[in-house]
């Protein structure tokens, strides 16, 4: 089963993070913890701001971020690709991205850089 086949359970915990503009949900499937948020109805800079806040919550290799957005966030990807593996898939016309922290990152993410250039 792929990460894209996993559906947020009804009993997912709402995660409160200072500065978020959409709800974050935290849930566990097997050994993996997911932090999920949906910015598909938001305009810039909200997807970038929420993505940086969610990524900052990853504290171990078994935690992943699932971002749902209206399109692939081209401004975000170069800012985080040195530290995160990123899988993306379009489902029903909406972009779904799974971020996993790399075992050997080649760069450190500047979580304060929320400017959109993509």
PDB file of N, CA and C in Angstrom:
ATOM      1  N   UNK A   1       0.848  -1.181   0.000  1.00  0.00           N
ATOM      2  CA  UNK A   1       0.000   0.000   0.000  1.00  0.00           C
ATOM      3  C   UNK A   1       0.890   1.241   0.000  1.00  0.00           C
ATOM      4  N   UNK A   2       0.551   2.183  -0.841  1.00  0.00           N
ATOM      5  CA  UNK A   2       1.321   3.429  -0.926  1.00  0.00           C
ATOM      6  C   UNK A   2       0.771   4.453   0.076  1.00  0.00           C
ATOM      7  N   UNK A   3       1.593   5.456   0.378  1.00  0.00           N
ATOM      8  CA  UNK A   3       1.139   6.536   1.268  1.00  0.00           C
ATOM      9  C   UNK A   3      -0.098   7.234   0.708  1.00  0.00           C
ATOM     10  N   UNK A   4      -0.246   7.230  -0.617  1.00  0.00           N
ATOM     11  CA  UNK A   4      -1.378   7.917  -1.237  1.00  0.00           C
ATOM     12  C   UNK A   4      -2.689   7.146  -1.069  1.00  0.00           C
ATOM     13  N   UNK A   5      -2.605   5.860  -0.697  1.00  0.00           N
ATOM     14  CA  UNK A   5      -3.798   5.053  -0.471  1.00  0.00           C
ATOM     15  C   UNK A   5      -4.349   5.217   0.940  1.00  0.00           C
ATOM     16  N   UNK A   6      -3.580   5.823   1.807  1.00  0.00           N
ATOM     17  CA  UNK A   6      -3.975   5.967   3.209  1.00  0.00           C
ATOM     18  C   UNK A   6      -4.943   7.134   3.353  1.00  0.00           C
ATOM     19  N   UNK A   7      -6.029   6.874   4.033  1.00  0.00           N
ATOM     20  CA  UNK A   7      -7.051   7.901   4.277  1.00  0.00           C
ATOM     21  C   UNK A   7      -7.007   8.303   5.745  1.00  0.00           C
ATOM     22  N   UNK A   8      -7.170   9.596   5.983  1.00  0.00           N
ATOM     23  CA  UNK A   8      -7.188  10.085   7.366  1.00  0.00           C
ATOM     24  C   UNK A   8      -8.356   9.458   8.111  1.00  0.00           C
ATOM     25  N   UNK A   9      -8.082   8.832   9.251  1.00  0.00           N
ATOM     26  CA  UNK A   9      -9.173   8.221  10.023  1.00  0.00           C
ATOM     27  C   UNK A   9     -10.047   9.275  10.684  1.00  0.00           C
ATOM     28  N   UNK A  10     -11.269   8.896  10.971  1.00  0.00           N
ATOM     29  CA  UNK A  10     -12.220   9.819  11.608  1.00  0.00           C
ATOM     30  C   UNK A  10     -11.752  10.271  12.990  1.00  0.00           C
ATOM     31  N   UNK A  11     -10.944   9.449  13.648  1.00  0.00           N
ATOM     32  CA  UNK A  11     -10.494   9.794  15.000  1.00  0.00           C
ATOM     33  C   UNK A  11      -9.114  10.468  15.007  1.00  0.00           C
ATOM     34  N   UNK A  12      -8.699  11.016  13.864  1.00  0.00           N
ATOM     35  CA  UNK A  12      -7.406  11.708  13.804  1.00  0.00           C
ATOM     36  C   UNK A  12      -7.411  12.878  14.787  1.00  0.00           C
ATOM     37  N   UNK A  13      -6.274  13.082  15.412  1.00  0.00           N
ATOM     38  CA  UNK A  13      -6.112  14.158  16.394  1.00  0.00           C
ATOM     39  C   UNK A  13      -5.846  15.474  15.659  1.00  0.00           C
ATOM     40  N   UNK A  14      -6.530  16.541  16.064  1.00  0.00           N
ATOM     41  CA  UNK A  14      -6.216  17.846  15.477  1.00  0.00           C
ATOM     42  C   UNK A  14      -4.971  18.384  16.167  1.00  0.00           C
ATOM     43  N   UNK A  15      -4.008  18.795  15.371  1.00  0.00           N
ATOM     44  CA  UNK A  15      -2.725  19.286  15.872  1.00  0.00           C
ATOM     45  C   UNK A  15      -2.725  20.807  15.780  1.00  0.00           C
ATOM     46  N   UNK A  16      -2.450  21.463  16.885  1.00  0.00           N
ATOM     47  CA  UNK A  16      -2.401  22.927  16.922  1.00  0.00           C
ATOM     48  C   UNK A  16      -0.956  23.390  16.813  1.00  0.00           C
ATOM     49  N   UNK A  17      -0.671  24.229  15.822  1.00  0.00           N
ATOM     50  CA  UNK A  17       0.663  24.780  15.610  1.00  0.00           C
ATOM     51  C   UNK A  17       0.508  26.283  15.435  1.00  0.00           C
ATOM     52  N   UNK A  18       1.288  27.031  16.188  1.00  0.00           N
ATOM     53  CA  UNK A  18       1.196  28.487  16.105  1.00  0.00           C
ATOM     54  C   UNK A  18       1.477  28.963  14.687  1.00  0.00           C
ATOM     55  N   UNK A  19       0.551  29.757  14.124  1.00  0.00           N
ATOM     56  CA  UNK A  19       0.714  30.325  12.797  1.00  0.00           C
ATOM     57  C   UNK A  19      -0.010  29.588  11.691  1.00  0.00           C
ATOM     58  N   UNK A  20      -0.521  28.388  11.970  1.00  0.00           N
ATOM     59  CA  UNK A  20      -1.222  27.641  10.920  1.00  0.00           C
ATOM     60  C   UNK A  20      -2.497  28.379  10.538  1.00  0.00           C
ATOM     61  N   UNK A  21      -2.898  28.231   9.264  1.00  0.00           N
ATOM     62  CA  UNK A  21      -4.123  28.884   8.796  1.00  0.00           C
ATOM     63  C   UNK A  21      -5.173  27.872   8.351  1.00  0.00           C
ATOM     64  N   UNK A  22      -4.822  26.583   8.383  1.00  0.00           N
ATOM     65  CA  UNK A  22      -5.750  25.494   8.092  1.00  0.00           C
ATOM     66  C   UNK A  22      -5.563  24.438   9.182  1.00  0.00           C
ATOM     67  N   UNK A  23      -6.546  23.554   9.378  1.00  0.00           N
ATOM     68  CA  UNK A  23      -6.377  22.505  10.385  1.00  0.00           C
ATOM     69  C   UNK A  23      -5.274  21.517   9.986  1.00  0.00           C
ATOM     70  N   UNK A  24      -4.518  21.084  10.978  1.00  0.00           N
ATOM     71  CA  UNK A  24      -3.531  20.013  10.823  1.00  0.00           C
ATOM     72  C   UNK A  24      -4.099  18.801  11.561  1.00  0.00           C
ATOM     73  N   UNK A  25      -3.927  17.637  10.970  1.00  0.00           N
ATOM     74  CA  UNK A  25      -4.378  16.403  11.595  1.00  0.00           C
ATOM     75  C   UNK A  25      -3.197  15.461  11.754  1.00  0.00           C
ATOM     76  N   UNK A  26      -3.152  14.774  12.884  1.00  0.00           N
ATOM     77  CA  UNK A  26      -2.081  13.835  13.170  1.00  0.00           C
ATOM     78  C   UNK A  26      -2.714  12.475  13.434  1.00  0.00           C
ATOM     79  N   UNK A  27      -2.187  11.443  12.768  1.00  0.00           N
ATOM     80  CA  UNK A  27      -2.697  10.096  12.965  1.00  0.00           C
ATOM     81  C   UNK A  27      -1.600   9.090  12.639  1.00  0.00           C
ATOM     82  N   UNK A  28      -1.801   7.876  13.112  1.00  0.00           N
ATOM     83  CA  UNK A  28      -0.794   6.837  12.949  1.00  0.00           C
ATOM     84  C   UNK A  28      -1.391   5.685  12.154  1.00  0.00           C
ATOM     85  N   UNK A  29      -0.608   5.176  11.208  1.00  0.00           N
ATOM     86  CA  UNK A  29      -0.968   3.982  10.452  1.00  0.00           C
ATOM     87  C   UNK A  29       0.249   3.068  10.514  1.00  0.00           C
ATOM     88  N   UNK A  30       0.101   1.942  11.192  1.00  0.00           N
ATOM     89  CA  UNK A  30       1.252   1.064  11.407  1.00  0.00           C
ATOM     90  C   UNK A  30       2.287   1.794  12.252  1.00  0.00           C
ATOM     91  N   UNK A  31       3.531   1.821  11.766  1.00  0.00           N
ATOM     92  CA  UNK A  31       4.611   2.499  12.491  1.00  0.00           C
ATOM     93  C   UNK A  31       4.794   3.948  12.050  1.00  0.00           C
ATOM     94  N   UNK A  32       3.979   4.404  11.102  1.00  0.00           N
ATOM     95  CA  UNK A  32       4.156   5.747  10.537  1.00  0.00           C
ATOM     96  C   UNK A  32       3.135   6.720  11.094  1.00  0.00           C
ATOM     97  N   UNK A  33       3.618   7.886  11.510  1.00  0.00           N
ATOM     98  CA  UNK A  33       2.754   8.977  11.934  1.00  0.00           C
ATOM     99  C   UNK A  33       2.641   9.953  10.771  1.00  0.00           C
ATOM    100  N   UNK A  34       1.428  10.380  10.467  1.00  0.00           N
ATOM    101  CA  UNK A  34       1.177  11.339   9.395  1.00  0.00           C
ATOM    102  C   UNK A  34       0.683  12.653   9.992  1.00  0.00           C
ATOM    103  N   UNK A  35       1.167  13.742   9.429  1.00  0.00           N
ATOM    104  CA  UNK A  35       0.635  15.070   9.713  1.00  0.00           C
ATOM    105  C   UNK A  35       0.054  15.538   8.381  1.00  0.00           C
ATOM    106  N   UNK A  36      -1.229  15.784   8.356  1.00  0.00           N
ATOM    107  CA  UNK A  36      -1.927  16.100   7.111  1.00  0.00           C
ATOM    108  C   UNK A  36      -2.584  17.468   7.201  1.00  0.00           C
ATOM    109  N   UNK A  37      -2.525  18.190   6.087  1.00  0.00           N
ATOM    110  CA  UNK A  37      -3.245  19.459   5.993  1.00  0.00           C
ATOM    111  C   UNK A  37      -3.666  19.673   4.551  1.00  0.00           C
ATOM    112  N   UNK A  38      -4.707  20.486   4.376  1.00  0.00           N
ATOM    113  CA  UNK A  38      -5.286  20.719   3.059  1.00  0.00           C
ATOM    114  C   UNK A  38      -5.320  22.224   2.780  1.00  0.00           C
ATOM    115  N   UNK A  39      -4.500  22.649   1.826  1.00  0.00           N
ATOM    116  CA  UNK A  39      -4.495  24.057   1.408  1.00  0.00           C
ATOM    117  C   UNK A  39      -5.025  24.187  -0.020  1.00  0.00           C
ATOM    118  N   UNK A  40      -5.822  23.226  -0.449  1.00  0.00           N
ATOM    119  CA  UNK A  40      -6.304  23.230  -1.835  1.00  0.00           C
ATOM    120  C   UNK A  40      -7.245  24.394  -2.142  1.00  0.00           C
ATOM    121  N   UNK A  41      -7.769  25.034  -1.122  1.00  0.00           N
ATOM    122  CA  UNK A  41      -8.661  26.183  -1.340  1.00  0.00           C
ATOM    123  C   UNK A  41      -8.021  27.493  -0.891  1.00  0.00           C
ATOM    124  N   UNK A  42      -6.708  27.465  -0.702  1.00  0.00           N
ATOM    125  CA  UNK A  42      -5.983  28.641  -0.202  1.00  0.00           C
ATOM    126  C   UNK A  42      -5.124  29.235  -1.316  1.00  0.00           C
ATOM    127  N   UNK A  43      -4.889  30.524  -1.221  1.00  0.00           N
ATOM    128  CA  UNK A  43      -3.973  31.190  -2.140  1.00  0.00           C
ATOM    129  C   UNK A  43      -2.660  31.491  -1.437  1.00  0.00           C
ATOM    130  N   UNK A  44      -1.660  31.882  -2.228  1.00  0.00           N
ATOM    131  CA  UNK A  44      -0.355  32.219  -1.646  1.00  0.00           C
ATOM    132  C   UNK A  44      -0.506  33.356  -0.631  1.00  0.00           C
ATOM    133  N   UNK A  45       0.254  33.314   0.423  1.00  0.00           N
ATOM    134  CA  UNK A  45       1.341  32.397   0.763  1.00  0.00           C
ATOM    135  C   UNK A  45       0.911  31.243   1.669  1.00  0.00           C
ATOM    136  N   UNK A  46      -0.399  31.029   1.862  1.00  0.00           N
ATOM    137  CA  UNK A  46      -0.863  30.038   2.846  1.00  0.00           C
ATOM    138  C   UNK A  46      -0.307  28.624   2.636  1.00  0.00           C
ATOM    139  N   UNK A  47      -0.270  28.076   1.408  1.00  0.00           N
ATOM    140  CA  UNK A  47       0.300  26.736   1.267  1.00  0.00           C
ATOM    141  C   UNK A  47       1.758  26.661   1.740  1.00  0.00           C
ATOM    142  N   UNK A  48       2.551  27.662   1.411  1.00  0.00           N
ATOM    143  CA  UNK A  48       3.963  27.686   1.809  1.00  0.00           C
ATOM    144  C   UNK A  48       4.090  27.809   3.333  1.00  0.00           C
ATOM    145  N   UNK A  49       3.348  28.706   3.923  1.00  0.00           N
ATOM    146  CA  UNK A  49       3.404  28.925   5.375  1.00  0.00           C
ATOM    147  C   UNK A  49       3.027  27.647   6.115  1.00  0.00           C
ATOM    148  N   UNK A  50       1.927  27.026   5.719  1.00  0.00           N
ATOM    149  CA  UNK A  50       1.470  25.818   6.403  1.00  0.00           C
ATOM    150  C   UNK A  50       2.412  24.641   6.163  1.00  0.00           C
ATOM    151  N   UNK A  51       2.963  24.539   4.961  1.00  0.00           N
ATOM    152  CA  UNK A  51       3.914  23.459   4.688  1.00  0.00           C
ATOM    153  C   UNK A  51       5.136  23.580   5.579  1.00  0.00           C
ATOM    154  N   UNK A  52       5.687  24.769   5.698  1.00  0.00           N
ATOM    155  CA  UNK A  52       6.875  24.949   6.544  1.00  0.00           C
ATOM    156  C   UNK A  52       6.566  24.620   8.002  1.00  0.00           C
ATOM    157  N   UNK A  53       5.387  25.020   8.476  1.00  0.00           N
ATOM    158  CA  UNK A  53       4.998  24.720   9.860  1.00  0.00           C
ATOM    159  C   UNK A  53       4.828  23.221  10.062  1.00  0.00           C
ATOM    160  N   UNK A  54       4.229  22.549   9.099  1.00  0.00           N
ATOM    161  CA  UNK A  54       4.021  21.105   9.217  1.00  0.00           C
ATOM    162  C   UNK A  54       5.353  20.356   9.161  1.00  0.00           C
ATOM    163  N   UNK A  55       6.220  20.720   8.218  1.00  0.00           N
ATOM    164  CA  UNK A  55       7.512  20.044   8.087  1.00  0.00           C
ATOM    165  C   UNK A  55       8.356  20.192   9.351  1.00  0.00           C
ATOM    166  N   UNK A  56       8.228  21.328   9.986  1.00  0.00           N
ATOM    167  CA  UNK A  56       8.978  21.586  11.217  1.00  0.00           C
ATOM    168  C   UNK A  56       8.563  20.627  12.344  1.00  0.00           C
ATOM    169  N   UNK A  57       7.387  19.999  12.208  1.00  0.00           N
ATOM    170  CA  UNK A  57       6.883  19.077  13.239  1.00  0.00           C
ATOM    171  C   UNK A  57       7.491  17.685  13.121  1.00  0.00           C
ATOM    172  N   UNK A  58       8.172  17.388  12.022  1.00  0.00           N
ATOM    173  CA  UNK A  58       8.766  16.058  11.857  1.00  0.00           C
ATOM    174  C   UNK A  58       9.954  15.936  12.803  1.00  0.00           C
ATOM    175  N   UNK A  59       9.828  15.020  13.755  1.00  0.00           N
ATOM    176  CA  UNK A  59      10.865  14.843  14.782  1.00  0.00           C
ATOM    177  C   UNK A  59      11.582  13.509  14.669  1.00  0.00           C
ATOM    178  N   UNK A  60      11.086  12.603  13.822  1.00  0.00           N
ATOM    179  CA  UNK A  60      11.714  11.290  13.700  1.00  0.00           C
ATOM    180  C   UNK A  60      11.482  10.740  12.288  1.00  0.00           C
ATOM    181  N   UNK A  61      12.216   9.695  11.914  1.00  0.00           N
ATOM    182  CA  UNK A  61      12.115   9.170  10.543  1.00  0.00           C
ATOM    183  C   UNK A  61      10.794   8.467  10.239  1.00  0.00           C
ATOM    184  N   UNK A  62       9.976   8.208  11.249  1.00  0.00           N
ATOM    185  CA  UNK A  62       8.693   7.539  11.025  1.00  0.00           C
ATOM    186  C   UNK A  62       7.528   8.521  10.925  1.00  0.00           C
ATOM    187  N   UNK A  63       7.823   9.795  10.765  1.00  0.00           N
ATOM    188  CA  UNK A  63       6.775  10.813  10.613  1.00  0.00           C
ATOM    189  C   UNK A  63       6.845  11.382   9.208  1.00  0.00           C
ATOM    190  N   UNK A  64       5.680  11.523   8.582  1.00  0.00           N
ATOM    191  CA  UNK A  64       5.587  12.074   7.230  1.00  0.00           C
ATOM    192  C   UNK A  64       4.546  13.179   7.218  1.00  0.00           C
ATOM    193  N   UNK A  65       4.708  14.111   6.289  1.00  0.00           N
ATOM    194  CA  UNK A  65       3.715  15.168   6.089  1.00  0.00           C
ATOM    195  C   UNK A  65       2.982  14.888   4.791  1.00  0.00           C
ATOM    196  N   UNK A  66       1.656  14.951   4.857  1.00  0.00           N
ATOM    197  CA  UNK A  66       0.799  14.803   3.682  1.00  0.00           C
ATOM    198  C   UNK A  66       0.154  16.159   3.411  1.00  0.00           C
ATOM    199  N   UNK A  67       0.578  16.780   2.330  1.00  0.00           N
ATOM    200  CA  UNK A  67       0.052  18.088   1.920  1.00  0.00           C
ATOM    201  C   UNK A  67      -0.923  17.876   0.773  1.00  0.00           C
ATOM    202  N   UNK A  68      -2.091  18.480   0.876  1.00  0.00           N
ATOM    203  CA  UNK A  68      -3.081  18.469  -0.191  1.00  0.00           C
ATOM    204  C   UNK A  68      -3.189  19.905  -0.668  1.00  0.00           C
ATOM    205  N   UNK A  69      -2.988  20.125  -1.969  1.00  0.00           N
ATOM    206  CA  UNK A  69      -2.953  21.489  -2.497  1.00  0.00           C
ATOM    207  C   UNK A  69      -3.609  21.521  -3.872  1.00  0.00           C
ATOM    208  N   UNK A  70      -4.019  22.696  -4.299  1.00  0.00           N
ATOM    209  CA  UNK A  70      -4.690  22.820  -5.598  1.00  0.00           C
ATOM    210  C   UNK A  70      -3.760  22.508  -6.766  1.00  0.00           C
ATOM    211  N   UNK A  71      -2.453  22.660  -6.564  1.00  0.00           N
ATOM    212  CA  UNK A  71      -1.466  22.310  -7.586  1.00  0.00           C
ATOM    213  C   UNK A  71      -0.146  21.998  -6.894  1.00  0.00           C
ATOM    214  N   UNK A  72       0.769  21.425  -7.641  1.00  0.00           N
ATOM    215  CA  UNK A  72       2.086  21.120  -7.101  1.00  0.00           C
ATOM    216  C   UNK A  72       2.757  22.440  -6.716  1.00  0.00           C
ATOM    217  N   UNK A  73       3.206  22.595  -5.473  1.00  0.00           N
ATOM    218  CA  UNK A  73       3.757  23.874  -4.998  1.00  0.00           C
ATOM    219  C   UNK A  73       5.209  24.073  -5.448  1.00  0.00           C
ATOM    220  N   UNK A  74       5.377  24.564  -6.663  1.00  0.00           N
ATOM    221  CA  UNK A  74       6.700  24.661  -7.282  1.00  0.00           C
ATOM    222  C   UNK A  74       7.641  25.599  -6.530  1.00  0.00           C
ATOM    223  N   UNK A  75       7.125  26.577  -5.819  1.00  0.00           N
ATOM    224  CA  UNK A  75       7.975  27.472  -5.036  1.00  0.00           C
ATOM    225  C   UNK A  75       8.500  26.820  -3.768  1.00  0.00           C
ATOM    226  N   UNK A  76       7.768  25.859  -3.246  1.00  0.00           N
ATOM    227  CA  UNK A  76       8.149  25.170  -2.012  1.00  0.00           C
ATOM    228  C   UNK A  76       9.224  24.115  -2.250  1.00  0.00           C
ATOM    229  N   UNK A  77       9.095  23.360  -3.305  1.00  0.00           N
ATOM    230  CA  UNK A  77       9.933  22.176  -3.501  1.00  0.00           C
ATOM    231  C   UNK A  77      11.428  22.456  -3.464  1.00  0.00           C
ATOM    232  N   UNK A  78      11.954  23.476  -4.168  1.00  0.00           N
ATOM    233  CA  UNK A  78      13.400  23.704  -4.096  1.00  0.00           C
ATOM    234  C   UNK A  78      13.886  24.113  -2.702  1.00  0.00           C
ATOM    235  N   UNK A  79      13.001  24.665  -1.893  1.00  0.00           N
ATOM    236  CA  UNK A  79      13.379  25.110  -0.538  1.00  0.00           C
ATOM    237  C   UNK A  79      13.576  23.937   0.421  1.00  0.00           C
ATOM    238  N   UNK A  80      12.944  22.798   0.115  1.00  0.00           N
ATOM    239  CA  UNK A  80      12.954  21.691   1.071  1.00  0.00           C
ATOM    240  C   UNK A  80      13.540  20.389   0.520  1.00  0.00           C
ATOM    241  N   UNK A  81      13.804  20.320  -0.777  1.00  0.00           N
ATOM    242  CA  UNK A  81      14.214  19.051  -1.386  1.00  0.00           C
ATOM    243  C   UNK A  81      15.576  18.552  -0.917  1.00  0.00           C
ATOM    244  N   UNK A  82      16.407  19.397  -0.338  1.00  0.00           N
ATOM    245  CA  UNK A  82      17.683  18.935   0.200  1.00  0.00           C
ATOM    246  C   UNK A  82      17.532  18.172   1.498  1.00  0.00           C
ATOM    247  N   UNK A  83      16.415  18.398   2.198  1.00  0.00           N
ATOM    248  CA  UNK A  83      16.197  17.763   3.497  1.00  0.00           C
ATOM    249  C   UNK A  83      15.082  16.714   3.470  1.00  0.00           C
ATOM    250  N   UNK A  84      14.214  16.776   2.457  1.00  0.00           N
ATOM    251  CA  UNK A  84      13.055  15.884   2.404  1.00  0.00           C
ATOM    252  C   UNK A  84      12.954  15.165   1.069  1.00  0.00           C
ATOM    253  N   UNK A  85      12.580  13.885   1.127  1.00  0.00           N
ATOM    254  CA  UNK A  85      12.161  13.169  -0.073  1.00  0.00           C
ATOM    255  C   UNK A  85      10.711  13.552  -0.303  1.00  0.00           C
ATOM    256  N   UNK A  86      10.356  13.808  -1.554  1.00  0.00           N
ATOM    257  CA  UNK A  86       9.019  14.290  -1.871  1.00  0.00           C
ATOM    258  C   UNK A  86       8.413  13.404  -2.960  1.00  0.00           C
ATOM    259  N   UNK A  87       7.265  12.840  -2.648  1.00  0.00           N
ATOM    260  CA  UNK A  87       6.495  12.095  -3.642  1.00  0.00           C
ATOM    261  C   UNK A  87       5.247  12.909  -3.924  1.00  0.00           C
ATOM    262  N   UNK A  88       4.818  12.929  -5.179  1.00  0.00           N
ATOM    263  CA  UNK A  88       3.591  13.656  -5.482  1.00  0.00           C
ATOM    264  C   UNK A  88       2.730  12.852  -6.442  1.00  0.00           C
ATOM    265  N   UNK A  89       1.427  13.075  -6.323  1.00  0.00           N
ATOM    266  CA  UNK A  89       0.472  12.385  -7.169  1.00  0.00           C
ATOM    267  C   UNK A  89      -0.765  13.257  -7.283  1.00  0.00           C
ATOM    268  N   UNK A  90      -1.302  13.355  -8.492  1.00  0.00           N
ATOM    269  CA  UNK A  90      -2.559  14.077  -8.673  1.00  0.00           C
ATOM    270  C   UNK A  90      -3.699  13.089  -8.479  1.00  0.00           C
ATOM    271  N   UNK A  91      -4.616  13.436  -7.596  1.00  0.00           N
ATOM    272  CA  UNK A  91      -5.784  12.600  -7.324  1.00  0.00           C
ATOM    273  C   UNK A  91      -7.018  13.478  -7.460  1.00  0.00           C
ATOM    274  N   UNK A  92      -7.875  13.121  -8.392  1.00  0.00           N
ATOM    275  CA  UNK A  92      -9.113  13.882  -8.639  1.00  0.00           C
ATOM    276  C   UNK A  92      -8.830  15.359  -8.883  1.00  0.00           C
ATOM    277  N   UNK A  93      -7.760  15.667  -9.612  1.00  0.00           N
ATOM    278  CA  UNK A  93      -7.440  17.041  -9.975  1.00  0.00           C
ATOM    279  C   UNK A  93      -6.776  17.856  -8.881  1.00  0.00           C
ATOM    280  N   UNK A  94      -6.386  17.201  -7.789  1.00  0.00           N
ATOM    281  CA  UNK A  94      -5.768  17.878  -6.660  1.00  0.00           C
ATOM    282  C   UNK A  94      -4.393  17.257  -6.419  1.00  0.00           C
ATOM    283  N   UNK A  95      -3.414  18.086  -6.087  1.00  0.00           N
ATOM    284  CA  UNK A  95      -2.057  17.603  -5.834  1.00  0.00           C
ATOM    285  C   UNK A  95      -1.939  17.082  -4.403  1.00  0.00           C
ATOM    286  N   UNK A  96      -1.400  15.874  -4.272  1.00  0.00           N
ATOM    287  CA  UNK A  96      -1.102  15.279  -2.971  1.00  0.00           C
ATOM    288  C   UNK A  96       0.404  15.089  -2.916  1.00  0.00           C
ATOM    289  N   UNK A  97       1.032  15.547  -1.840  1.00  0.00           N
ATOM    290  CA  UNK A  97       2.473  15.410  -1.684  1.00  0.00           C
ATOM    291  C   UNK A  97       2.767  14.755  -0.339  1.00  0.00           C
ATOM    292  N   UNK A  98       3.726  13.837  -0.351  1.00  0.00           N
ATOM    293  CA  UNK A  98       4.185  13.183   0.865  1.00  0.00           C
ATOM    294  C   UNK A  98       5.643  13.580   1.063  1.00  0.00           C
ATOM    295  N   UNK A  99       5.938  14.158   2.216  1.00  0.00           N
ATOM    296  CA  UNK A  99       7.290  14.601   2.564  1.00  0.00           C
ATOM    297  C   UNK A  99       7.842  13.667   3.646  1.00  0.00           C
ATOM    298  N   UNK A 100       9.036  13.130   3.397  1.00  0.00           N
ATOM    299  CA  UNK A 100       9.715  12.264   4.350  1.00  0.00           C
ATOM    300  C   UNK A 100      11.117  12.812   4.551  1.00  0.00           C
ATOM    301  N   UNK A 101      11.537  12.952   5.792  1.00  0.00           N
ATOM    302  CA  UNK A 101      12.879  13.472   6.089  1.00  0.00           C
ATOM    303  C   UNK A 101      13.937  12.495   5.571  1.00  0.00           C
ATOM    304  N   UNK A 102      14.933  13.019   4.854  1.00  0.00           N
ATOM    305  CA  UNK A 102      16.009  12.194   4.314  1.00  0.00           C
ATOM    306  C   UNK A 102      16.925  11.707   5.432  1.00  0.00           C
ATOM    307  N   UNK A 103      17.436  10.496   5.272  1.00  0.00           N
ATOM    308  CA  UNK A 103      18.389   9.954   6.243  1.00  0.00           C
ATOM    309  C   UNK A 103      19.683  10.753   6.208  1.00  0.00           C
ATOM    310  N   UNK A 104      20.091  11.186   5.028  1.00  0.00           N
ATOM    311  CA  UNK A 104      21.322  11.968   4.851  1.00  0.00           C
ATOM    312  C   UNK A 104      21.012  13.236   4.067  1.00  0.00           C
ATOM    313  N   UNK A 105      20.464  14.247   4.720  1.00  0.00           N
ATOM    314  CA  UNK A 105      20.099  15.476   4.005  1.00  0.00           C
ATOM    315  C   UNK A 105      21.317  16.171   3.414  1.00  0.00           C
ATOM    316  N   UNK A 106      21.102  16.823   2.270  1.00  0.00           N
ATOM    317  CA  UNK A 106      22.174  17.574   1.611  1.00  0.00           C
ATOM    318  C   UNK A 106      22.078  19.066   1.898  1.00  0.00           C
ATOM    319  N   UNK A 107      20.990  19.478   2.557  1.00  0.00           N
ATOM    320  CA  UNK A 107      20.800  20.890   2.901  1.00  0.00           C
ATOM    321  C   UNK A 107      19.876  20.965   4.109  1.00  0.00           C
ATOM    322  N   UNK A 108      19.897  22.111   4.772  1.00  0.00           N
ATOM    323  CA  UNK A 108      19.024  22.360   5.920  1.00  0.00           C
ATOM    324  C   UNK A 108      17.932  23.333   5.473  1.00  0.00           C
ATOM    325  N   UNK A 109      16.709  23.024   5.803  1.00  0.00           N
ATOM    326  CA  UNK A 109      15.576  23.860   5.418  1.00  0.00           C
ATOM    327  C   UNK A 109      15.505  25.110   6.283  1.00  0.00           C
ATOM    328  N   UNK A 110      15.302  26.259   5.647  1.00  0.00           N
ATOM    329  CA  UNK A 110      15.047  27.524   6.359  1.00  0.00           C
ATOM    330  C   UNK A 110      13.522  27.628   6.511  1.00  0.00           C
ATOM    331  N   UNK A 111      13.013  27.221   7.651  1.00  0.00           N
ATOM    332  CA  UNK A 111      11.566  27.194   7.878  1.00  0.00           C
ATOM    333  C   UNK A 111      10.942  28.578   7.922  1.00  0.00           C
ATOM    334  N   UNK A 112      11.763  29.609   8.040  1.00  0.00           N
ATOM    335  CA  UNK A 112      11.244  30.979   8.050  1.00  0.00           C
ATOM    336  C   UNK A 112      11.079  31.552   6.655  1.00  0.00           C
ATOM    337  N   UNK A 113      11.618  30.875   5.638  1.00  0.00           N
ATOM    338  CA  UNK A 113      11.527  31.349   4.254  1.00  0.00           C
ATOM    339  C   UNK A 113      10.194  30.910   3.668  1.00  0.00           C
ATOM    340  N   UNK A 114       9.193  31.767   3.805  1.00  0.00           N
ATOM    341  CA  UNK A 114       7.856  31.431   3.316  1.00  0.00           C
ATOM    342  C   UNK A 114       7.459  32.285   2.106  1.00  0.00           C
ATOM    343  N   UNK A 115       8.439  32.890   1.445  1.00  0.00           N
ATOM    344  CA  UNK A 115       8.153  33.642   0.225  1.00  0.00           C
ATOM    345  C   UNK A 115       7.845  32.688  -0.907  1.00  0.00           C
ATOM    346  N   UNK A 116       6.865  33.033  -1.719  1.00  0.00           N
ATOM    347  CA  UNK A 116       6.463  32.189  -2.840  1.00  0.00           C
ATOM    348  C   UNK A 116       7.092  32.720  -4.124  1.00  0.00           C
ATOM    349  N   UNK A 117       7.811  31.853  -4.793  1.00  0.00           N
ATOM    350  CA  UNK A 117       8.427  32.237  -6.073  1.00  0.00           C
ATOM    351  C   UNK A 117       8.144  31.186  -7.131  1.00  0.00           C
ATOM    352  N   UNK A 118       7.036  30.502  -7.038  1.00  0.00           N
ATOM    353  CA  UNK A 118       6.793  29.411  -7.977  1.00  0.00           C
ATOM    354  C   UNK A 118       5.414  29.405  -8.521  1.00  0.00           C
TER     355      UNK A 118
END
